[in-house]
N, C-alpha and C. Protein backbone atom coordinates (compact mmCIF):
# COMPACT_ATOMS: atom_id res chain seq x y z
N MET A 1 23.59 51.53 92.52
CA MET A 1 24.15 51.22 91.21
C MET A 1 23.20 50.30 90.45
N ASP A 2 23.18 50.45 89.12
CA ASP A 2 22.39 49.52 88.34
C ASP A 2 23.31 48.52 87.71
N SER A 3 22.75 47.43 87.23
CA SER A 3 23.58 46.40 86.63
C SER A 3 22.98 45.98 85.31
N THR A 4 23.84 45.49 84.43
CA THR A 4 23.38 45.02 83.13
C THR A 4 24.20 43.83 82.72
N GLN A 5 23.63 42.99 81.87
CA GLN A 5 24.34 41.80 81.43
C GLN A 5 25.09 42.11 80.16
N GLY A 6 26.40 42.03 80.19
CA GLY A 6 27.22 42.30 79.02
C GLY A 6 27.83 41.03 78.50
N GLY A 7 28.63 41.15 77.43
CA GLY A 7 29.23 39.99 76.81
C GLY A 7 30.19 39.28 77.73
N SER A 8 30.78 39.98 78.65
CA SER A 8 31.77 39.37 79.55
C SER A 8 31.21 39.13 80.94
N GLY A 9 29.86 39.20 81.08
CA GLY A 9 29.27 39.00 82.39
C GLY A 9 28.60 40.24 82.89
N GLN A 10 28.13 40.18 84.11
CA GLN A 10 27.39 41.31 84.67
C GLN A 10 28.33 42.45 85.03
N GLN A 11 27.95 43.65 84.62
CA GLN A 11 28.75 44.84 84.89
C GLN A 11 27.94 45.80 85.76
N ASN A 12 28.57 46.41 86.73
CA ASN A 12 27.89 47.37 87.59
C ASN A 12 28.45 48.75 87.34
N VAL A 13 27.58 49.69 86.97
CA VAL A 13 28.00 51.06 86.72
C VAL A 13 26.99 51.99 87.37
N MET A 14 27.47 53.01 88.06
CA MET A 14 26.58 53.96 88.71
C MET A 14 25.80 54.77 87.68
N LYS A 15 24.69 55.32 88.11
CA LYS A 15 23.90 56.20 87.24
C LYS A 15 24.48 57.61 87.27
N LEU A 16 24.50 58.26 86.12
CA LEU A 16 24.94 59.64 86.04
C LEU A 16 23.85 60.53 86.64
N GLU A 17 24.23 61.32 87.65
CA GLU A 17 23.28 62.20 88.32
C GLU A 17 23.50 63.66 87.95
N GLY A 18 24.65 63.96 87.35
CA GLY A 18 24.97 65.34 87.00
C GLY A 18 26.46 65.57 87.12
N SER A 19 26.85 66.82 87.26
CA SER A 19 28.27 67.16 87.31
C SER A 19 28.97 66.56 88.52
N ARG A 20 28.21 66.29 89.60
CA ARG A 20 28.79 65.78 90.84
C ARG A 20 29.55 64.46 90.61
N ASN A 21 28.99 63.56 89.83
CA ASN A 21 29.65 62.26 89.63
C ASN A 21 30.01 62.01 88.17
N TRP A 22 30.07 63.09 87.38
CA TRP A 22 30.36 62.96 85.96
C TRP A 22 31.70 62.28 85.68
N ASN A 23 32.77 62.69 86.34
CA ASN A 23 34.09 62.15 86.03
C ASN A 23 34.18 60.65 86.28
N VAL A 24 33.64 60.21 87.41
CA VAL A 24 33.67 58.78 87.73
C VAL A 24 32.77 58.01 86.77
N TRP A 25 31.58 58.55 86.51
CA TRP A 25 30.64 57.90 85.59
C TRP A 25 31.25 57.78 84.19
N LYS A 26 31.85 58.85 83.72
CA LYS A 26 32.46 58.85 82.39
C LYS A 26 33.55 57.79 82.30
N PHE A 27 34.38 57.70 83.32
CA PHE A 27 35.46 56.71 83.33
C PHE A 27 34.90 55.29 83.30
N GLN A 28 33.93 55.00 84.18
CA GLN A 28 33.36 53.66 84.25
C GLN A 28 32.66 53.28 82.96
N THR A 29 31.89 54.22 82.42
CA THR A 29 31.13 53.94 81.20
C THR A 29 32.06 53.77 80.00
N SER A 30 33.13 54.57 79.94
CA SER A 30 34.11 54.44 78.86
C SER A 30 34.77 53.07 78.88
N VAL A 31 35.13 52.61 80.09
CA VAL A 31 35.75 51.29 80.23
C VAL A 31 34.79 50.20 79.78
N LEU A 32 33.52 50.32 80.18
CA LEU A 32 32.52 49.33 79.80
C LEU A 32 32.30 49.32 78.29
N LEU A 33 32.23 50.51 77.68
CA LEU A 33 32.04 50.60 76.23
C LEU A 33 33.22 49.99 75.48
N ARG A 34 34.43 50.23 75.98
CA ARG A 34 35.61 49.63 75.35
C ARG A 34 35.57 48.11 75.48
N GLY A 35 35.16 47.64 76.65
CA GLY A 35 35.06 46.20 76.87
C GLY A 35 34.07 45.53 75.95
N GLN A 36 33.03 46.28 75.56
CA GLN A 36 32.02 45.75 74.65
C GLN A 36 32.36 46.03 73.19
N GLY A 37 33.51 46.68 72.94
CA GLY A 37 33.91 47.00 71.58
C GLY A 37 33.06 48.07 70.93
N LEU A 38 32.52 48.99 71.75
CA LEU A 38 31.59 50.00 71.25
C LEU A 38 32.10 51.43 71.36
N TYR A 39 33.27 51.61 71.94
CA TYR A 39 33.72 52.98 72.21
C TYR A 39 33.95 53.78 70.93
N LYS A 40 34.44 53.13 69.87
CA LYS A 40 34.69 53.85 68.62
C LYS A 40 33.39 54.33 67.97
N ILE A 41 32.31 53.64 68.27
CA ILE A 41 30.98 54.09 67.82
C ILE A 41 30.62 55.37 68.55
N VAL A 42 30.87 55.37 69.86
CA VAL A 42 30.49 56.49 70.71
C VAL A 42 31.33 57.74 70.45
N ASP A 43 32.64 57.57 70.27
CA ASP A 43 33.48 58.76 70.08
C ASP A 43 33.51 59.25 68.63
N GLY A 44 32.75 58.56 67.76
CA GLY A 44 32.62 59.02 66.37
C GLY A 44 33.70 58.53 65.43
N THR A 45 34.62 57.70 65.93
CA THR A 45 35.69 57.17 65.07
C THR A 45 35.12 56.25 63.99
N THR A 46 34.18 55.39 64.40
CA THR A 46 33.51 54.49 63.45
C THR A 46 32.18 55.12 63.05
N VAL A 47 32.13 55.63 61.82
CA VAL A 47 30.93 56.33 61.34
C VAL A 47 30.00 55.35 60.62
N LYS A 48 28.80 55.79 60.37
CA LYS A 48 27.79 54.95 59.72
C LYS A 48 28.22 54.64 58.28
N PRO A 49 28.39 53.36 57.91
CA PRO A 49 28.86 52.99 56.57
C PRO A 49 27.79 53.18 55.50
N GLU A 50 28.22 53.24 54.26
CA GLU A 50 27.30 53.33 53.13
C GLU A 50 26.78 51.96 52.74
N ASP A 51 27.63 50.95 52.85
CA ASP A 51 27.26 49.58 52.49
C ASP A 51 26.12 49.07 53.37
N ASP A 52 25.11 48.46 52.75
CA ASP A 52 23.92 48.02 53.49
C ASP A 52 24.25 47.01 54.59
N THR A 53 25.09 46.02 54.26
CA THR A 53 25.43 44.98 55.24
C THR A 53 26.20 45.57 56.41
N GLN A 54 27.20 46.38 56.10
CA GLN A 54 28.00 47.01 57.16
C GLN A 54 27.17 48.00 57.97
N ARG A 55 26.23 48.67 57.29
CA ARG A 55 25.39 49.64 57.99
C ARG A 55 24.49 48.95 59.02
N SER A 56 24.00 47.77 58.66
CA SER A 56 23.14 47.01 59.58
C SER A 56 23.91 46.64 60.84
N THR A 57 25.17 46.22 60.66
CA THR A 57 26.01 45.87 61.82
C THR A 57 26.28 47.11 62.67
N TRP A 58 26.57 48.23 62.01
CA TRP A 58 26.84 49.48 62.72
C TRP A 58 25.61 49.92 63.53
N GLU A 59 24.43 49.81 62.92
CA GLU A 59 23.20 50.23 63.60
C GLU A 59 22.93 49.37 64.84
N THR A 60 23.26 48.08 64.74
CA THR A 60 23.10 47.19 65.89
C THR A 60 24.04 47.60 67.02
N GLN A 61 25.29 47.88 66.66
CA GLN A 61 26.28 48.31 67.65
C GLN A 61 25.91 49.66 68.24
N ASP A 62 25.42 50.56 67.39
CA ASP A 62 25.02 51.89 67.88
C ASP A 62 23.86 51.77 68.86
N ALA A 63 22.91 50.89 68.57
CA ALA A 63 21.77 50.68 69.46
C ALA A 63 22.23 50.14 70.81
N ARG A 64 23.20 49.23 70.77
CA ARG A 64 23.75 48.69 72.03
C ARG A 64 24.44 49.78 72.83
N ALA A 65 25.21 50.63 72.13
CA ALA A 65 25.91 51.72 72.80
C ALA A 65 24.92 52.70 73.42
N GLN A 66 23.86 53.02 72.68
CA GLN A 66 22.83 53.92 73.21
C GLN A 66 22.20 53.34 74.47
N THR A 67 21.94 52.04 74.44
CA THR A 67 21.34 51.37 75.60
C THR A 67 22.25 51.47 76.82
N LEU A 68 23.56 51.23 76.60
CA LEU A 68 24.51 51.29 77.71
C LEU A 68 24.58 52.69 78.31
N ILE A 69 24.41 53.70 77.48
CA ILE A 69 24.47 55.08 77.97
C ILE A 69 23.17 55.47 78.67
N VAL A 70 22.06 55.25 77.99
CA VAL A 70 20.76 55.73 78.48
C VAL A 70 20.33 55.05 79.78
N THR A 71 20.65 53.77 79.93
CA THR A 71 20.22 53.05 81.13
C THR A 71 21.09 53.35 82.35
N ARG A 72 22.08 54.24 82.17
CA ARG A 72 22.98 54.57 83.27
C ARG A 72 22.92 56.04 83.63
N MET A 73 21.74 56.58 83.65
CA MET A 73 21.57 57.99 84.03
C MET A 73 20.18 58.21 84.59
N THR A 74 20.03 59.28 85.35
CA THR A 74 18.73 59.63 85.90
C THR A 74 17.86 60.23 84.79
N GLU A 75 16.56 60.29 85.05
CA GLU A 75 15.64 60.88 84.06
C GLU A 75 15.98 62.34 83.80
N GLU A 76 16.40 63.04 84.84
CA GLU A 76 16.75 64.45 84.70
C GLU A 76 17.90 64.64 83.72
N VAL A 77 18.93 63.81 83.84
CA VAL A 77 20.07 63.88 82.92
C VAL A 77 19.65 63.47 81.52
N MET A 78 18.76 62.49 81.42
CA MET A 78 18.32 61.98 80.13
C MET A 78 17.67 63.06 79.26
N LEU A 79 17.09 64.06 79.90
CA LEU A 79 16.45 65.14 79.15
C LEU A 79 17.45 65.87 78.24
N HIS A 80 18.73 65.85 78.61
CA HIS A 80 19.75 66.52 77.80
C HIS A 80 19.96 65.83 76.46
N ILE A 81 19.73 64.51 76.41
CA ILE A 81 20.05 63.75 75.20
C ILE A 81 18.83 63.17 74.51
N ILE A 82 17.65 63.56 74.96
CA ILE A 82 16.43 62.92 74.47
C ILE A 82 16.20 63.13 72.98
N SER A 83 16.80 64.17 72.41
CA SER A 83 16.63 64.43 70.97
C SER A 83 17.77 63.84 70.13
N CYS A 84 18.74 63.19 70.77
CA CYS A 84 19.88 62.61 70.04
C CYS A 84 19.49 61.26 69.44
N ASP A 85 19.88 61.02 68.20
CA ASP A 85 19.48 59.77 67.54
C ASP A 85 20.63 58.77 67.35
N THR A 86 21.83 59.12 67.80
CA THR A 86 22.95 58.18 67.76
C THR A 86 23.71 58.23 69.09
N ALA A 87 24.48 57.18 69.35
CA ALA A 87 25.28 57.14 70.58
C ALA A 87 26.33 58.25 70.57
N ALA A 88 26.91 58.52 69.39
CA ALA A 88 27.92 59.57 69.30
C ALA A 88 27.32 60.93 69.61
N ALA A 89 26.10 61.18 69.14
CA ALA A 89 25.43 62.45 69.42
C ALA A 89 25.14 62.59 70.91
N MET A 90 24.74 61.49 71.54
CA MET A 90 24.50 61.50 72.98
C MET A 90 25.78 61.84 73.74
N TRP A 91 26.88 61.20 73.35
CA TRP A 91 28.16 61.40 74.03
C TRP A 91 28.63 62.84 73.88
N ARG A 92 28.52 63.37 72.65
CA ARG A 92 28.93 64.76 72.42
C ARG A 92 28.12 65.72 73.26
N LYS A 93 26.83 65.44 73.39
CA LYS A 93 25.95 66.31 74.17
C LYS A 93 26.34 66.28 75.65
N LEU A 94 26.60 65.09 76.16
CA LEU A 94 27.01 64.97 77.56
C LEU A 94 28.33 65.69 77.82
N LEU A 95 29.26 65.57 76.87
CA LEU A 95 30.53 66.27 77.00
C LEU A 95 30.33 67.78 77.02
N SER A 96 29.44 68.26 76.16
CA SER A 96 29.21 69.71 76.09
C SER A 96 28.54 70.24 77.35
N VAL A 97 27.72 69.40 77.99
CA VAL A 97 27.01 69.82 79.20
C VAL A 97 27.92 69.78 80.43
N TYR A 98 28.69 68.69 80.56
CA TYR A 98 29.42 68.46 81.80
C TYR A 98 30.92 68.74 81.73
N GLU A 99 31.44 69.06 80.55
CA GLU A 99 32.86 69.38 80.45
C GLU A 99 33.05 70.75 79.83
N GLN A 100 32.38 71.73 80.38
CA GLN A 100 32.53 73.10 79.91
C GLN A 100 33.89 73.62 80.34
N LYS A 101 34.78 73.79 79.39
CA LYS A 101 36.15 74.20 79.71
C LYS A 101 36.25 75.72 79.78
N SER A 102 35.51 76.29 80.68
CA SER A 102 35.51 77.74 80.82
C SER A 102 36.36 78.15 82.01
N GLU A 103 36.80 79.39 82.00
CA GLU A 103 37.58 79.92 83.11
C GLU A 103 36.76 79.91 84.40
N THR A 104 35.44 80.10 84.25
CA THR A 104 34.57 80.10 85.43
C THR A 104 34.58 78.74 86.10
N SER A 105 34.48 77.66 85.28
CA SER A 105 34.49 76.31 85.83
C SER A 105 35.80 76.02 86.53
N ILE A 106 36.91 76.40 85.90
CA ILE A 106 38.23 76.18 86.49
C ILE A 106 38.34 76.92 87.82
N HIS A 107 37.87 78.15 87.84
CA HIS A 107 37.94 78.97 89.06
C HIS A 107 37.13 78.33 90.18
N ILE A 108 35.95 77.82 89.86
CA ILE A 108 35.09 77.21 90.88
C ILE A 108 35.75 75.98 91.49
N VAL A 109 36.29 75.11 90.63
CA VAL A 109 36.93 73.89 91.13
C VAL A 109 38.19 74.22 91.93
N GLN A 110 38.97 75.19 91.44
CA GLN A 110 40.17 75.61 92.17
C GLN A 110 39.80 76.16 93.55
N GLN A 111 38.74 76.94 93.60
CA GLN A 111 38.30 77.51 94.87
C GLN A 111 37.89 76.41 95.84
N ARG A 112 37.16 75.44 95.35
CA ARG A 112 36.76 74.30 96.18
C ARG A 112 37.99 73.53 96.67
N PHE A 113 38.96 73.37 95.78
CA PHE A 113 40.18 72.63 96.12
C PHE A 113 40.95 73.32 97.24
N PHE A 114 41.15 74.63 97.11
CA PHE A 114 41.94 75.36 98.10
C PHE A 114 41.22 75.49 99.44
N GLN A 115 39.89 75.51 99.42
CA GLN A 115 39.12 75.67 100.66
C GLN A 115 38.84 74.33 101.35
N PHE A 116 39.05 73.24 100.64
CA PHE A 116 38.71 71.92 101.17
C PHE A 116 39.63 71.55 102.34
N LYS A 117 39.03 71.10 103.42
CA LYS A 117 39.78 70.73 104.63
C LYS A 117 39.37 69.34 105.11
N PHE A 118 40.28 68.73 105.84
CA PHE A 118 39.98 67.45 106.49
C PHE A 118 39.13 67.73 107.72
N GLU A 119 37.94 67.17 107.76
CA GLU A 119 37.03 67.39 108.88
C GLU A 119 37.07 66.22 109.85
N GLU A 120 37.01 66.54 111.12
CA GLU A 120 37.04 65.52 112.16
C GLU A 120 35.91 64.51 111.95
N GLY A 121 36.25 63.24 112.04
CA GLY A 121 35.25 62.20 111.85
C GLY A 121 35.22 61.65 110.43
N THR A 122 35.90 62.33 109.52
CA THR A 122 35.95 61.88 108.13
C THR A 122 36.97 60.76 107.97
N GLU A 123 36.63 59.74 107.22
CA GLU A 123 37.59 58.68 106.92
C GLU A 123 38.68 59.25 106.02
N MET A 124 39.92 58.88 106.28
CA MET A 124 41.03 59.39 105.48
C MET A 124 40.87 59.01 104.01
N SER A 125 40.39 57.81 103.74
CA SER A 125 40.21 57.37 102.35
C SER A 125 39.21 58.25 101.62
N VAL A 126 38.17 58.69 102.32
CA VAL A 126 37.16 59.57 101.72
C VAL A 126 37.76 60.94 101.43
N PHE A 127 38.50 61.48 102.39
CA PHE A 127 39.16 62.78 102.21
C PHE A 127 40.10 62.75 101.01
N LEU A 128 40.94 61.72 100.93
CA LEU A 128 41.92 61.63 99.84
C LEU A 128 41.25 61.43 98.49
N SER A 129 40.17 60.67 98.45
CA SER A 129 39.47 60.45 97.18
C SER A 129 38.84 61.74 96.67
N LYS A 130 38.35 62.59 97.59
CA LYS A 130 37.76 63.86 97.18
C LYS A 130 38.83 64.82 96.65
N VAL A 131 40.00 64.83 97.30
CA VAL A 131 41.10 65.66 96.81
C VAL A 131 41.52 65.21 95.42
N HIS A 132 41.66 63.89 95.25
CA HIS A 132 42.07 63.34 93.96
C HIS A 132 41.01 63.61 92.89
N GLU A 133 39.75 63.56 93.28
CA GLU A 133 38.67 63.83 92.33
C GLU A 133 38.75 65.27 91.81
N MET A 134 39.03 66.22 92.71
CA MET A 134 39.16 67.61 92.28
C MET A 134 40.37 67.81 91.38
N GLN A 135 41.44 67.08 91.67
CA GLN A 135 42.62 67.13 90.80
C GLN A 135 42.26 66.65 89.40
N ASN A 136 41.49 65.57 89.32
CA ASN A 136 41.07 65.04 88.03
C ASN A 136 40.11 65.98 87.30
N GLN A 137 39.23 66.63 88.06
CA GLN A 137 38.30 67.60 87.45
C GLN A 137 39.07 68.73 86.79
N LEU A 138 40.08 69.23 87.47
CA LEU A 138 40.91 70.30 86.90
C LEU A 138 41.67 69.81 85.68
N LYS A 139 42.12 68.57 85.72
CA LYS A 139 42.82 68.01 84.56
C LYS A 139 41.88 67.93 83.36
N GLN A 140 40.62 67.54 83.61
CA GLN A 140 39.63 67.48 82.53
C GLN A 140 39.39 68.86 81.93
N LEU A 141 39.53 69.88 82.75
CA LEU A 141 39.32 71.26 82.29
C LEU A 141 40.59 71.85 81.68
N GLY A 142 41.64 71.04 81.57
CA GLY A 142 42.88 71.50 80.96
C GLY A 142 43.82 72.19 81.91
N GLU A 143 43.55 72.07 83.21
CA GLU A 143 44.38 72.72 84.23
C GLU A 143 45.09 71.63 85.04
N ASN A 144 46.28 71.28 84.63
CA ASN A 144 47.02 70.21 85.32
C ASN A 144 47.59 70.69 86.65
N MET A 145 47.44 69.86 87.66
CA MET A 145 47.96 70.17 88.99
C MET A 145 48.90 69.04 89.38
N SER A 146 50.15 69.35 89.60
CA SER A 146 51.16 68.32 89.87
C SER A 146 50.87 67.58 91.17
N ASP A 147 51.38 66.34 91.24
CA ASP A 147 51.21 65.55 92.46
C ASP A 147 51.87 66.23 93.66
N LYS A 148 53.01 66.90 93.43
CA LYS A 148 53.69 67.59 94.52
C LYS A 148 52.81 68.69 95.11
N PHE A 149 52.10 69.38 94.24
CA PHE A 149 51.20 70.44 94.70
C PHE A 149 50.06 69.83 95.52
N VAL A 150 49.53 68.70 95.05
CA VAL A 150 48.44 68.03 95.76
C VAL A 150 48.93 67.50 97.10
N ILE A 151 50.15 66.98 97.13
CA ILE A 151 50.74 66.49 98.39
C ILE A 151 50.81 67.63 99.41
N THR A 152 51.26 68.80 98.96
CA THR A 152 51.34 69.96 99.85
C THR A 152 49.96 70.32 100.38
N LYS A 153 48.97 70.28 99.50
CA LYS A 153 47.59 70.59 99.90
C LYS A 153 47.11 69.61 100.97
N VAL A 154 47.35 68.33 100.75
CA VAL A 154 46.92 67.30 101.71
C VAL A 154 47.58 67.51 103.07
N LEU A 155 48.89 67.73 103.06
CA LEU A 155 49.62 67.90 104.33
C LEU A 155 49.15 69.13 105.09
N MET A 156 48.86 70.21 104.37
CA MET A 156 48.39 71.45 105.01
C MET A 156 46.98 71.31 105.57
N SER A 157 46.24 70.31 105.07
CA SER A 157 44.85 70.13 105.50
C SER A 157 44.70 69.19 106.68
N LEU A 158 45.78 68.52 107.06
CA LEU A 158 45.70 67.53 108.13
C LEU A 158 45.54 68.18 109.50
N PRO A 159 44.81 67.52 110.40
CA PRO A 159 44.62 68.07 111.76
C PRO A 159 45.85 67.89 112.63
N GLU A 160 45.78 68.39 113.84
CA GLU A 160 46.91 68.40 114.78
C GLU A 160 47.43 66.99 115.08
N ASP A 161 46.54 66.00 115.06
CA ASP A 161 46.94 64.62 115.36
C ASP A 161 48.04 64.11 114.43
N TYR A 162 48.17 64.74 113.28
CA TYR A 162 49.10 64.25 112.26
C TYR A 162 50.41 65.06 112.21
N LYS A 163 50.67 65.89 113.22
CA LYS A 163 51.86 66.74 113.16
C LYS A 163 53.15 65.93 113.15
N HIS A 164 53.19 64.82 113.89
CA HIS A 164 54.39 63.97 113.89
C HIS A 164 54.55 63.27 112.55
N PHE A 165 53.41 62.91 111.95
CA PHE A 165 53.46 62.29 110.63
C PHE A 165 54.05 63.25 109.61
N ILE A 166 53.62 64.51 109.67
CA ILE A 166 54.11 65.52 108.72
C ILE A 166 55.61 65.70 108.86
N SER A 167 56.10 65.74 110.09
CA SER A 167 57.54 65.89 110.33
C SER A 167 58.31 64.71 109.74
N ALA A 168 57.78 63.51 109.96
CA ALA A 168 58.43 62.30 109.44
C ALA A 168 58.42 62.30 107.91
N TRP A 169 57.30 62.74 107.34
CA TRP A 169 57.18 62.79 105.88
C TRP A 169 58.19 63.76 105.27
N GLU A 170 58.31 64.92 105.88
CA GLU A 170 59.23 65.93 105.35
C GLU A 170 60.69 65.51 105.47
N SER A 171 60.96 64.55 106.36
CA SER A 171 62.33 64.05 106.54
C SER A 171 62.65 62.89 105.60
N ALA A 172 61.62 62.38 104.92
CA ALA A 172 61.82 61.23 104.03
C ALA A 172 62.57 61.66 102.76
N PRO A 173 63.30 60.73 102.12
CA PRO A 173 64.00 61.04 100.87
C PRO A 173 63.03 61.52 99.80
N ASP A 174 63.49 62.36 98.91
CA ASP A 174 62.63 62.92 97.87
C ASP A 174 61.97 61.84 97.01
N ASP A 175 62.71 60.77 96.71
CA ASP A 175 62.15 59.73 95.84
C ASP A 175 61.06 58.91 96.53
N LYS A 176 60.93 59.08 97.84
CA LYS A 176 59.87 58.39 98.59
C LYS A 176 58.64 59.27 98.78
N GLN A 177 58.79 60.56 98.48
CA GLN A 177 57.69 61.50 98.69
C GLN A 177 56.78 61.55 97.46
N THR A 178 56.17 60.41 97.15
CA THR A 178 55.23 60.33 96.03
C THR A 178 53.81 60.34 96.56
N TYR A 179 52.87 60.64 95.69
CA TYR A 179 51.47 60.68 96.13
C TYR A 179 50.99 59.31 96.59
N ASP A 180 51.37 58.26 95.85
CA ASP A 180 50.94 56.91 96.24
C ASP A 180 51.48 56.53 97.62
N ASN A 181 52.74 56.89 97.88
CA ASN A 181 53.32 56.61 99.20
C ASN A 181 52.60 57.40 100.29
N LEU A 182 52.26 58.64 99.98
CA LEU A 182 51.55 59.47 100.95
C LEU A 182 50.22 58.84 101.32
N VAL A 183 49.47 58.40 100.32
CA VAL A 183 48.17 57.76 100.57
C VAL A 183 48.34 56.53 101.45
N ALA A 184 49.28 55.67 101.08
CA ALA A 184 49.49 54.43 101.84
C ALA A 184 49.88 54.73 103.29
N ARG A 185 50.78 55.67 103.48
CA ARG A 185 51.26 55.98 104.83
C ARG A 185 50.19 56.68 105.66
N LEU A 186 49.37 57.51 105.03
CA LEU A 186 48.30 58.19 105.77
C LEU A 186 47.25 57.19 106.25
N LEU A 187 46.95 56.20 105.44
CA LEU A 187 45.97 55.19 105.85
C LEU A 187 46.50 54.37 107.03
N ILE A 188 47.79 54.09 107.01
CA ILE A 188 48.42 53.38 108.14
C ILE A 188 48.42 54.26 109.38
N GLU A 189 48.75 55.54 109.19
CA GLU A 189 48.78 56.49 110.32
C GLU A 189 47.39 56.65 110.93
N GLU A 190 46.38 56.67 110.09
CA GLU A 190 45.01 56.79 110.58
C GLU A 190 44.67 55.62 111.51
N GLU A 191 45.05 54.41 111.12
CA GLU A 191 44.80 53.24 111.96
C GLU A 191 45.56 53.33 113.27
N ARG A 192 46.80 53.83 113.21
CA ARG A 192 47.62 53.97 114.42
C ARG A 192 46.97 54.95 115.40
N ILE A 193 46.48 56.07 114.86
CA ILE A 193 45.83 57.09 115.71
C ILE A 193 44.55 56.53 116.33
N LYS A 194 43.80 55.76 115.56
CA LYS A 194 42.57 55.16 116.07
C LYS A 194 42.87 54.18 117.20
N GLU A 195 43.90 53.34 116.98
CA GLU A 195 44.27 52.36 118.00
C GLU A 195 44.73 53.05 119.29
N LYS A 196 45.48 54.13 119.14
CA LYS A 196 45.96 54.89 120.30
C LYS A 196 44.78 55.49 121.06
N ALA A 197 43.83 56.05 120.32
CA ALA A 197 42.65 56.66 120.95
C ALA A 197 41.81 55.61 121.67
N ASN A 198 41.68 54.43 121.06
CA ASN A 198 40.91 53.35 121.69
C ASN A 198 41.59 52.85 122.96
N ALA A 199 42.93 52.81 122.93
CA ALA A 199 43.68 52.36 124.11
C ALA A 199 43.50 53.34 125.26
N VAL A 200 43.58 54.63 124.95
CA VAL A 200 43.39 55.67 125.97
C VAL A 200 41.98 55.61 126.54
N TYR A 201 41.01 55.42 125.64
CA TYR A 201 39.62 55.34 126.07
C TYR A 201 39.41 54.14 126.99
N GLY A 202 40.08 53.02 126.65
CA GLY A 202 39.94 51.81 127.47
C GLY A 202 40.51 52.01 128.86
N VAL A 203 41.66 52.66 128.96
CA VAL A 203 42.29 52.94 130.26
C VAL A 203 41.41 53.86 131.09
N CYS A 204 40.90 54.91 130.47
CA CYS A 204 40.03 55.86 131.19
C CYS A 204 38.77 55.17 131.68
N GLY A 205 38.27 54.24 130.87
CA GLY A 205 37.06 53.53 131.24
C GLY A 205 37.27 52.67 132.47
N LYS A 206 38.44 52.02 132.53
CA LYS A 206 38.75 51.17 133.69
C LYS A 206 38.93 52.00 134.95
N GLU A 207 39.59 53.16 134.82
CA GLU A 207 39.87 54.01 135.98
C GLU A 207 38.60 54.63 136.56
N SER A 208 37.58 54.79 135.73
CA SER A 208 36.36 55.43 136.20
C SER A 208 35.42 54.46 136.90
N ARG A 209 35.78 53.17 136.83
CA ARG A 209 34.90 52.18 137.48
C ARG A 209 35.10 52.14 138.98
């Protein structure tokens, strides 16, 4: 991650590498721009004024916004916006490159979502964040996927070790079967399974001596 000194202190934002981290980068950069009072420059709400004094202020803010955008991307990504002369033009270009709302894009993300499985050795937090990221990608493409659908996907992807967890989850009251509750309980269950495995390993180790 790179860092920059802003009005409210040092801010850390990852570099945009391409479509792989576009959603997270866009979110972080948008928050930073809003914190600096520059987002309306970037989204085109605040346009270049005719008045000389106001125009000078706008140009200063636009230059700051451009700096915040350009210093947070790889050289390869920068080639997409190298001909843009305003922060708003840069933002529009990035949106056009990385948020193509085509049926092909939706199909690709959906395919990845349905094929995605929990792999042995993967941290539960990593697995859940990837599922949530794909849900957000589809939302950006205009394809909303309900939390209940995502919950079903997560449960179907869990390995055999979690079969008792799944039974307990399905027995829980409907108002408790929320995505946030699922995440919290899965992280606890992961720790329980690890502790159980470590205990078994410890016993086997003693018996083999």
